[in-house]
């Protein structure tokens, strides 16, 4: 079993990386050049903002929001979706 090979910290990092990949895949899977347009910025202690350009706002919906919530849980932070600059 793979989980027996990992330290708790390695397992936490693997879950975090997987959650991040699930978010960015939804935005980038079908469109080249999308990832450089996304920004993740700290807005205050315990809170981040995922900034999505207005041109990509149609990509935001229930599924990405759910995956962003999962990423936030893994990070132990709030993540706000911000459309625009």
PDB file of N, CA and C in Angstrom:
ATOM      1  N   UNK A   1       0.846  -1.176   0.000  1.00  0.00           N
ATOM      2  CA  UNK A   1       0.000   0.000   0.000  1.00  0.00           C
ATOM      3  C   UNK A   1       0.892   1.239   0.000  1.00  0.00           C
ATOM      4  N   UNK A   2       0.616   2.161  -0.926  1.00  0.00           N
ATOM      5  CA  UNK A   2       1.448   3.345  -1.099  1.00  0.00           C
ATOM      6  C   UNK A   2       1.464   4.210   0.160  1.00  0.00           C
ATOM      7  N   UNK A   3       0.341   4.327   0.844  1.00  0.00           N
ATOM      8  CA  UNK A   3       0.278   5.206   2.011  1.00  0.00           C
ATOM      9  C   UNK A   3       1.258   4.802   3.104  1.00  0.00           C
ATOM     10  N   UNK A   4       1.658   3.551   3.132  1.00  0.00           N
ATOM     11  CA  UNK A   4       2.625   3.113   4.149  1.00  0.00           C
ATOM     12  C   UNK A   4       4.037   3.588   3.816  1.00  0.00           C
ATOM     13  N   UNK A   5       4.276   4.007   2.580  1.00  0.00           N
ATOM     14  CA  UNK A   5       5.585   4.484   2.173  1.00  0.00           C
ATOM     15  C   UNK A   5       5.778   5.976   2.442  1.00  0.00           C
ATOM     16  N   UNK A   6       4.703   6.670   2.714  1.00  0.00           N
ATOM     17  CA  UNK A   6       4.757   8.118   2.879  1.00  0.00           C
ATOM     18  C   UNK A   6       4.755   8.528   4.349  1.00  0.00           C
ATOM     19  N   UNK A   7       5.474   9.594   4.627  1.00  0.00           N
ATOM     20  CA  UNK A   7       5.340  10.216   5.939  1.00  0.00           C
ATOM     21  C   UNK A   7       4.037  11.003   5.927  1.00  0.00           C
ATOM     22  N   UNK A   8       3.508  11.348   7.090  1.00  0.00           N
ATOM     23  CA  UNK A   8       2.283  12.173   7.100  1.00  0.00           C
ATOM     24  C   UNK A   8       2.465  13.481   6.335  1.00  0.00           C
ATOM     25  N   UNK A   9       3.629  14.106   6.430  1.00  0.00           N
ATOM     26  CA  UNK A   9       3.876  15.359   5.707  1.00  0.00           C
ATOM     27  C   UNK A   9       3.896  15.125   4.199  1.00  0.00           C
ATOM     28  N   UNK A  10       4.498  14.039   3.756  1.00  0.00           N
ATOM     29  CA  UNK A  10       4.513  13.721   2.321  1.00  0.00           C
ATOM     30  C   UNK A  10       3.107  13.447   1.806  1.00  0.00           C
ATOM     31  N   UNK A  11       2.309  12.773   2.601  1.00  0.00           N
ATOM     32  CA  UNK A  11       0.926  12.494   2.214  1.00  0.00           C
ATOM     33  C   UNK A  11       0.132  13.794   2.120  1.00  0.00           C
ATOM     34  N   UNK A  12       0.345  14.729   3.063  1.00  0.00           N
ATOM     35  CA  UNK A  12      -0.339  16.014   3.034  1.00  0.00           C
ATOM     36  C   UNK A  12       0.042  16.792   1.779  1.00  0.00           C
ATOM     37  N   UNK A  13       1.334  16.789   1.460  1.00  0.00           N
ATOM     38  CA  UNK A  13       1.800  17.496   0.259  1.00  0.00           C
ATOM     39  C   UNK A  13       1.231  16.861  -1.012  1.00  0.00           C
ATOM     40  N   UNK A  14       1.139  15.546  -1.040  1.00  0.00           N
ATOM     41  CA  UNK A  14       0.579  14.863  -2.207  1.00  0.00           C
ATOM     42  C   UNK A  14      -0.896  15.235  -2.387  1.00  0.00           C
ATOM     43  N   UNK A  15      -1.666  15.282  -1.284  1.00  0.00           N
ATOM     44  CA  UNK A  15      -3.076  15.683  -1.368  1.00  0.00           C
ATOM     45  C   UNK A  15      -3.207  17.127  -1.843  1.00  0.00           C
ATOM     46  N   UNK A  16      -2.327  17.994  -1.347  1.00  0.00           N
ATOM     47  CA  UNK A  16      -2.343  19.399  -1.742  1.00  0.00           C
ATOM     48  C   UNK A  16      -2.039  19.552  -3.231  1.00  0.00           C
ATOM     49  N   UNK A  17      -1.014  18.861  -3.695  1.00  0.00           N
ATOM     50  CA  UNK A  17      -0.649  18.921  -5.109  1.00  0.00           C
ATOM     51  C   UNK A  17      -1.771  18.372  -5.988  1.00  0.00           C
ATOM     52  N   UNK A  18      -2.385  17.286  -5.568  1.00  0.00           N
ATOM     53  CA  UNK A  18      -3.499  16.711  -6.331  1.00  0.00           C
ATOM     54  C   UNK A  18      -4.670  17.691  -6.405  1.00  0.00           C
ATOM     55  N   UNK A  19      -4.974  18.352  -5.286  1.00  0.00           N
ATOM     56  CA  UNK A  19      -6.070  19.330  -5.267  1.00  0.00           C
ATOM     57  C   UNK A  19      -5.759  20.500  -6.199  1.00  0.00           C
ATOM     58  N   UNK A  20      -4.513  20.948  -6.193  1.00  0.00           N
ATOM     59  CA  UNK A  20      -4.111  22.035  -7.088  1.00  0.00           C
ATOM     60  C   UNK A  20      -4.231  21.614  -8.552  1.00  0.00           C
ATOM     61  N   UNK A  21      -3.759  20.418  -8.878  1.00  0.00           N
ATOM     62  CA  UNK A  21      -3.858  19.919 -10.253  1.00  0.00           C
ATOM     63  C   UNK A  21      -5.314  19.821 -10.702  1.00  0.00           C
ATOM     64  N   UNK A  22      -6.217  19.386  -9.800  1.00  0.00           N
ATOM     65  CA  UNK A  22      -7.633  19.275 -10.168  1.00  0.00           C
ATOM     66  C   UNK A  22      -8.230  20.643 -10.500  1.00  0.00           C
ATOM     67  N   UNK A  23      -7.772  21.684  -9.811  1.00  0.00           N
ATOM     68  CA  UNK A  23      -8.266  23.037 -10.107  1.00  0.00           C
ATOM     69  C   UNK A  23      -7.733  23.514 -11.449  1.00  0.00           C
ATOM     70  N   UNK A  24      -6.431  23.490 -11.629  1.00  0.00           N
ATOM     71  CA  UNK A  24      -5.859  24.068 -12.848  1.00  0.00           C
ATOM     72  C   UNK A  24      -6.210  23.261 -14.092  1.00  0.00           C
ATOM     73  N   UNK A  25      -6.443  21.960 -13.940  1.00  0.00           N
ATOM     74  CA  UNK A  25      -6.834  21.147 -15.099  1.00  0.00           C
ATOM     75  C   UNK A  25      -8.140  21.654 -15.708  1.00  0.00           C
ATOM     76  N   UNK A  26      -9.091  22.010 -14.861  1.00  0.00           N
ATOM     77  CA  UNK A  26     -10.380  22.495 -15.374  1.00  0.00           C
ATOM     78  C   UNK A  26     -10.227  23.768 -16.198  1.00  0.00           C
ATOM     79  N   UNK A  27      -9.266  24.595 -15.827  1.00  0.00           N
ATOM     80  CA  UNK A  27      -9.066  25.849 -16.551  1.00  0.00           C
ATOM     81  C   UNK A  27      -8.160  25.688 -17.763  1.00  0.00           C
ATOM     82  N   UNK A  28      -7.294  24.692 -17.762  1.00  0.00           N
ATOM     83  CA  UNK A  28      -6.266  24.638 -18.804  1.00  0.00           C
ATOM     84  C   UNK A  28      -6.349  23.454 -19.752  1.00  0.00           C
ATOM     85  N   UNK A  29      -7.168  22.472 -19.474  1.00  0.00           N
ATOM     86  CA  UNK A  29      -7.150  21.229 -20.245  1.00  0.00           C
ATOM     87  C   UNK A  29      -7.399  21.432 -21.732  1.00  0.00           C
ATOM     88  N   UNK A  30      -8.298  22.328 -22.070  1.00  0.00           N
ATOM     89  CA  UNK A  30      -8.677  22.469 -23.473  1.00  0.00           C
ATOM     90  C   UNK A  30      -8.126  23.733 -24.125  1.00  0.00           C
ATOM     91  N   UNK A  31      -7.500  24.596 -23.335  1.00  0.00           N
ATOM     92  CA  UNK A  31      -7.094  25.887 -23.868  1.00  0.00           C
ATOM     93  C   UNK A  31      -5.630  26.163 -23.536  1.00  0.00           C
ATOM     94  N   UNK A  32      -4.838  26.347 -24.563  1.00  0.00           N
ATOM     95  CA  UNK A  32      -3.426  26.660 -24.373  1.00  0.00           C
ATOM     96  C   UNK A  32      -3.262  28.092 -23.873  1.00  0.00           C
ATOM     97  N   UNK A  33      -2.322  28.305 -22.966  1.00  0.00           N
ATOM     98  CA  UNK A  33      -1.989  29.642 -22.505  1.00  0.00           C
ATOM     99  C   UNK A  33      -2.862  30.192 -21.396  1.00  0.00           C
ATOM    100  N   UNK A  34      -3.715  29.375 -20.814  1.00  0.00           N
ATOM    101  CA  UNK A  34      -4.605  29.852 -19.761  1.00  0.00           C
ATOM    102  C   UNK A  34      -3.882  29.987 -18.419  1.00  0.00           C
ATOM    103  N   UNK A  35      -3.081  29.014 -18.057  1.00  0.00           N
ATOM    104  CA  UNK A  35      -2.447  29.028 -16.735  1.00  0.00           C
ATOM    105  C   UNK A  35      -1.683  30.306 -16.417  1.00  0.00           C
ATOM    106  N   UNK A  36      -0.898  30.852 -17.345  1.00  0.00           N
ATOM    107  CA  UNK A  36      -0.183  32.087 -17.015  1.00  0.00           C
ATOM    108  C   UNK A  36      -1.111  33.266 -16.715  1.00  0.00           C
ATOM    109  N   UNK A  37      -2.371  33.159 -17.112  1.00  0.00           N
ATOM    110  CA  UNK A  37      -3.323  34.243 -16.872  1.00  0.00           C
ATOM    111  C   UNK A  37      -3.963  34.177 -15.488  1.00  0.00           C
ATOM    112  N   UNK A  38      -3.876  33.014 -14.834  1.00  0.00           N
ATOM    113  CA  UNK A  38      -4.456  32.852 -13.507  1.00  0.00           C
ATOM    114  C   UNK A  38      -3.454  33.298 -12.459  1.00  0.00           C
ATOM    115  N   UNK A  39      -3.956  33.890 -11.399  1.00  0.00           N
ATOM    116  CA  UNK A  39      -3.095  34.323 -10.304  1.00  0.00           C
ATOM    117  C   UNK A  39      -3.694  33.860  -8.981  1.00  0.00           C
ATOM    118  N   UNK A  40      -2.833  33.447  -8.084  1.00  0.00           N
ATOM    119  CA  UNK A  40      -3.240  33.113  -6.729  1.00  0.00           C
ATOM    120  C   UNK A  40      -2.462  34.046  -5.814  1.00  0.00           C
ATOM    121  N   UNK A  41      -3.187  34.932  -5.139  1.00  0.00           N
ATOM    122  CA  UNK A  41      -2.535  35.947  -4.312  1.00  0.00           C
ATOM    123  C   UNK A  41      -3.077  35.906  -2.895  1.00  0.00           C
ATOM    124  N   UNK A  42      -2.200  36.178  -1.950  1.00  0.00           N
ATOM    125  CA  UNK A  42      -2.630  36.307  -0.557  1.00  0.00           C
ATOM    126  C   UNK A  42      -3.311  37.656  -0.394  1.00  0.00           C
ATOM    127  N   UNK A  43      -4.524  37.646   0.191  1.00  0.00           N
ATOM    128  CA  UNK A  43      -5.224  38.904   0.426  1.00  0.00           C
ATOM    129  C   UNK A  43      -5.173  39.300   1.903  1.00  0.00           C
ATOM    130  N   UNK A  44      -4.998  38.324   2.777  1.00  0.00           N
ATOM    131  CA  UNK A  44      -4.744  38.568   4.196  1.00  0.00           C
ATOM    132  C   UNK A  44      -4.387  37.239   4.855  1.00  0.00           C
ATOM    133  N   UNK A  45      -4.096  37.280   6.138  1.00  0.00           N
ATOM    134  CA  UNK A  45      -3.729  36.048   6.838  1.00  0.00           C
ATOM    135  C   UNK A  45      -4.889  35.056   6.759  1.00  0.00           C
ATOM    136  N   UNK A  46      -4.613  33.877   6.241  1.00  0.00           N
ATOM    137  CA  UNK A  46      -5.636  32.844   6.138  1.00  0.00           C
ATOM    138  C   UNK A  46      -6.546  32.953   4.937  1.00  0.00           C
ATOM    139  N   UNK A  47      -6.255  33.869   4.014  1.00  0.00           N
ATOM    140  CA  UNK A  47      -7.135  34.025   2.853  1.00  0.00           C
ATOM    141  C   UNK A  47      -6.336  34.320   1.589  1.00  0.00           C
ATOM    142  N   UNK A  48      -6.731  33.648   0.514  1.00  0.00           N
ATOM    143  CA  UNK A  48      -6.120  33.823  -0.800  1.00  0.00           C
ATOM    144  C   UNK A  48      -7.197  34.230  -1.785  1.00  0.00           C
ATOM    145  N   UNK A  49      -6.770  34.814  -2.896  1.00  0.00           N
ATOM    146  CA  UNK A  49      -7.686  35.136  -3.984  1.00  0.00           C
ATOM    147  C   UNK A  49      -7.184  34.446  -5.249  1.00  0.00           C
ATOM    148  N   UNK A  50      -8.060  33.722  -5.917  1.00  0.00           N
ATOM    149  CA  UNK A  50      -7.769  33.185  -7.243  1.00  0.00           C
ATOM    150  C   UNK A  50      -8.323  34.198  -8.222  1.00  0.00           C
ATOM    151  N   UNK A  51      -7.425  34.876  -8.918  1.00  0.00           N
ATOM    152  CA  UNK A  51      -7.824  35.944  -9.833  1.00  0.00           C
ATOM    153  C   UNK A  51      -7.907  35.380 -11.246  1.00  0.00           C
ATOM    154  N   UNK A  52      -9.095  35.498 -11.825  1.00  0.00           N
ATOM    155  CA  UNK A  52      -9.387  34.958 -13.145  1.00  0.00           C
ATOM    156  C   UNK A  52      -9.740  36.128 -14.061  1.00  0.00           C
ATOM    157  N   UNK A  53      -9.054  36.281 -15.186  1.00  0.00           N
ATOM    158  CA  UNK A  53      -9.370  37.386 -16.098  1.00  0.00           C
ATOM    159  C   UNK A  53     -10.821  37.314 -16.588  1.00  0.00           C
ATOM    160  N   UNK A  54     -11.381  38.473 -16.853  1.00  0.00           N
ATOM    161  CA  UNK A  54     -12.765  38.536 -17.336  1.00  0.00           C
ATOM    162  C   UNK A  54     -12.979  37.678 -18.581  1.00  0.00           C
ATOM    163  N   UNK A  55     -11.970  37.591 -19.446  1.00  0.00           N
ATOM    164  CA  UNK A  55     -12.095  36.797 -20.673  1.00  0.00           C
ATOM    165  C   UNK A  55     -12.293  35.312 -20.382  1.00  0.00           C
ATOM    166  N   UNK A  56     -11.940  34.878 -19.186  1.00  0.00           N
ATOM    167  CA  UNK A  56     -12.060  33.463 -18.814  1.00  0.00           C
ATOM    168  C   UNK A  56     -13.184  33.206 -17.819  1.00  0.00           C
ATOM    169  N   UNK A  57     -13.985  34.213 -17.528  1.00  0.00           N
ATOM    170  CA  UNK A  57     -14.997  34.070 -16.490  1.00  0.00           C
ATOM    171  C   UNK A  57     -16.043  33.000 -16.787  1.00  0.00           C
ATOM    172  N   UNK A  58     -16.227  32.661 -18.059  1.00  0.00           N
ATOM    173  CA  UNK A  58     -17.187  31.608 -18.409  1.00  0.00           C
ATOM    174  C   UNK A  58     -16.719  30.233 -17.942  1.00  0.00           C
ATOM    175  N   UNK A  59     -15.456  30.108 -17.602  1.00  0.00           N
ATOM    176  CA  UNK A  59     -14.925  28.832 -17.119  1.00  0.00           C
ATOM    177  C   UNK A  59     -15.265  28.587 -15.651  1.00  0.00           C
ATOM    178  N   UNK A  60     -15.704  29.625 -14.958  1.00  0.00           N
ATOM    179  CA  UNK A  60     -16.056  29.494 -13.551  1.00  0.00           C
ATOM    180  C   UNK A  60     -17.470  28.941 -13.452  1.00  0.00           C
ATOM    181  N   UNK A  61     -17.641  27.960 -12.624  1.00  0.00           N
ATOM    182  CA  UNK A  61     -18.944  27.347 -12.441  1.00  0.00           C
ATOM    183  C   UNK A  61     -18.913  26.439 -11.226  1.00  0.00           C
ATOM    184  N   UNK A  62     -19.904  25.591 -11.124  1.00  0.00           N
ATOM    185  CA  UNK A  62     -20.056  24.722  -9.960  1.00  0.00           C
ATOM    186  C   UNK A  62     -18.861  23.787  -9.759  1.00  0.00           C
ATOM    187  N   UNK A  63     -18.414  23.155 -10.817  1.00  0.00           N
ATOM    188  CA  UNK A  63     -17.310  22.193 -10.683  1.00  0.00           C
ATOM    189  C   UNK A  63     -15.998  22.878 -10.275  1.00  0.00           C
ATOM    190  N   UNK A  64     -15.573  23.941 -10.963  1.00  0.00           N
ATOM    191  CA  UNK A  64     -14.355  24.618 -10.503  1.00  0.00           C
ATOM    192  C   UNK A  64     -14.483  25.152  -9.078  1.00  0.00           C
ATOM    193  N   UNK A  65     -15.647  25.690  -8.736  1.00  0.00           N
ATOM    194  CA  UNK A  65     -15.838  26.210  -7.381  1.00  0.00           C
ATOM    195  C   UNK A  65     -15.692  25.099  -6.349  1.00  0.00           C
ATOM    196  N   UNK A  66     -16.229  23.925  -6.646  1.00  0.00           N
ATOM    197  CA  UNK A  66     -16.112  22.784  -5.741  1.00  0.00           C
ATOM    198  C   UNK A  66     -14.651  22.364  -5.574  1.00  0.00           C
ATOM    199  N   UNK A  67     -13.929  22.345  -6.663  1.00  0.00           N
ATOM    200  CA  UNK A  67     -12.516  21.958  -6.590  1.00  0.00           C
ATOM    201  C   UNK A  67     -11.674  23.017  -5.884  1.00  0.00           C
ATOM    202  N   UNK A  68     -12.035  24.274  -6.045  1.00  0.00           N
ATOM    203  CA  UNK A  68     -11.335  25.353  -5.338  1.00  0.00           C
ATOM    204  C   UNK A  68     -11.608  25.244  -3.838  1.00  0.00           C
ATOM    205  N   UNK A  69     -12.831  24.905  -3.466  1.00  0.00           N
ATOM    206  CA  UNK A  69     -13.151  24.689  -2.046  1.00  0.00           C
ATOM    207  C   UNK A  69     -12.330  23.540  -1.472  1.00  0.00           C
ATOM    208  N   UNK A  70     -12.155  22.482  -2.242  1.00  0.00           N
ATOM    209  CA  UNK A  70     -11.346  21.353  -1.795  1.00  0.00           C
ATOM    210  C   UNK A  70      -9.889  21.780  -1.610  1.00  0.00           C
ATOM    211  N   UNK A  71      -9.360  22.550  -2.551  1.00  0.00           N
ATOM    212  CA  UNK A  71      -8.002  23.069  -2.427  1.00  0.00           C
ATOM    213  C   UNK A  71      -7.878  23.935  -1.175  1.00  0.00           C
ATOM    214  N   UNK A  72      -8.863  24.762  -0.923  1.00  0.00           N
ATOM    215  CA  UNK A  72      -8.850  25.616   0.263  1.00  0.00           C
ATOM    216  C   UNK A  72      -8.794  24.774   1.537  1.00  0.00           C
ATOM    217  N   UNK A  73      -9.567  23.697   1.584  1.00  0.00           N
ATOM    218  CA  UNK A  73      -9.537  22.799   2.742  1.00  0.00           C
ATOM    219  C   UNK A  73      -8.155  22.194   2.935  1.00  0.00           C
ATOM    220  N   UNK A  74      -7.558  21.748   1.836  1.00  0.00           N
ATOM    221  CA  UNK A  74      -6.212  21.153   1.925  1.00  0.00           C
ATOM    222  C   UNK A  74      -5.183  22.172   2.396  1.00  0.00           C
ATOM    223  N   UNK A  75      -5.341  23.424   1.977  1.00  0.00           N
ATOM    224  CA  UNK A  75      -4.422  24.485   2.385  1.00  0.00           C
ATOM    225  C   UNK A  75      -4.704  24.996   3.798  1.00  0.00           C
ATOM    226  N   UNK A  76      -5.937  24.781   4.252  1.00  0.00           N
ATOM    227  CA  UNK A  76      -6.353  25.352   5.536  1.00  0.00           C
ATOM    228  C   UNK A  76      -6.539  26.850   5.430  1.00  0.00           C
ATOM    229  N   UNK A  77      -6.944  27.312   4.256  1.00  0.00           N
ATOM    230  CA  UNK A  77      -7.115  28.746   3.962  1.00  0.00           C
ATOM    231  C   UNK A  77      -8.439  28.939   3.231  1.00  0.00           C
ATOM    232  N   UNK A  78      -8.933  30.146   3.266  1.00  0.00           N
ATOM    233  CA  UNK A  78     -10.065  30.539   2.433  1.00  0.00           C
ATOM    234  C   UNK A  78      -9.528  30.930   1.061  1.00  0.00           C
ATOM    235  N   UNK A  79     -10.275  30.604   0.013  1.00  0.00           N
ATOM    236  CA  UNK A  79      -9.915  31.051  -1.329  1.00  0.00           C
ATOM    237  C   UNK A  79     -11.125  31.734  -1.941  1.00  0.00           C
ATOM    238  N   UNK A  80     -10.943  32.980  -2.272  1.00  0.00           N
ATOM    239  CA  UNK A  80     -11.997  33.776  -2.909  1.00  0.00           C
ATOM    240  C   UNK A  80     -11.734  33.820  -4.407  1.00  0.00           C
ATOM    241  N   UNK A  81     -12.766  33.624  -5.203  1.00  0.00           N
ATOM    242  CA  UNK A  81     -12.641  33.751  -6.653  1.00  0.00           C
ATOM    243  C   UNK A  81     -12.902  35.205  -7.013  1.00  0.00           C
ATOM    244  N   UNK A  82     -11.953  35.813  -7.706  1.00  0.00           N
ATOM    245  CA  UNK A  82     -12.072  37.207  -8.113  1.00  0.00           C
ATOM    246  C   UNK A  82     -11.988  37.259  -9.644  1.00  0.00           C
ATOM    247  N   UNK A  83     -12.983  37.865 -10.255  1.00  0.00           N
ATOM    248  CA  UNK A  83     -12.987  38.020 -11.699  1.00  0.00           C
ATOM    249  C   UNK A  83     -12.432  39.414 -12.026  1.00  0.00           C
ATOM    250  N   UNK A  84     -11.434  39.452 -12.875  1.00  0.00           N
ATOM    251  CA  UNK A  84     -10.854  40.734 -13.271  1.00  0.00           C
ATOM    252  C   UNK A  84      -9.389  40.795 -12.945  1.00  0.00           C
ATOM    253  N   UNK A  85      -8.863  41.984 -12.858  1.00  0.00           N
ATOM    254  CA  UNK A  85      -7.425  42.189 -12.650  1.00  0.00           C
ATOM    255  C   UNK A  85      -7.006  42.004 -11.219  1.00  0.00           C
TER     256      UNK A  85
END
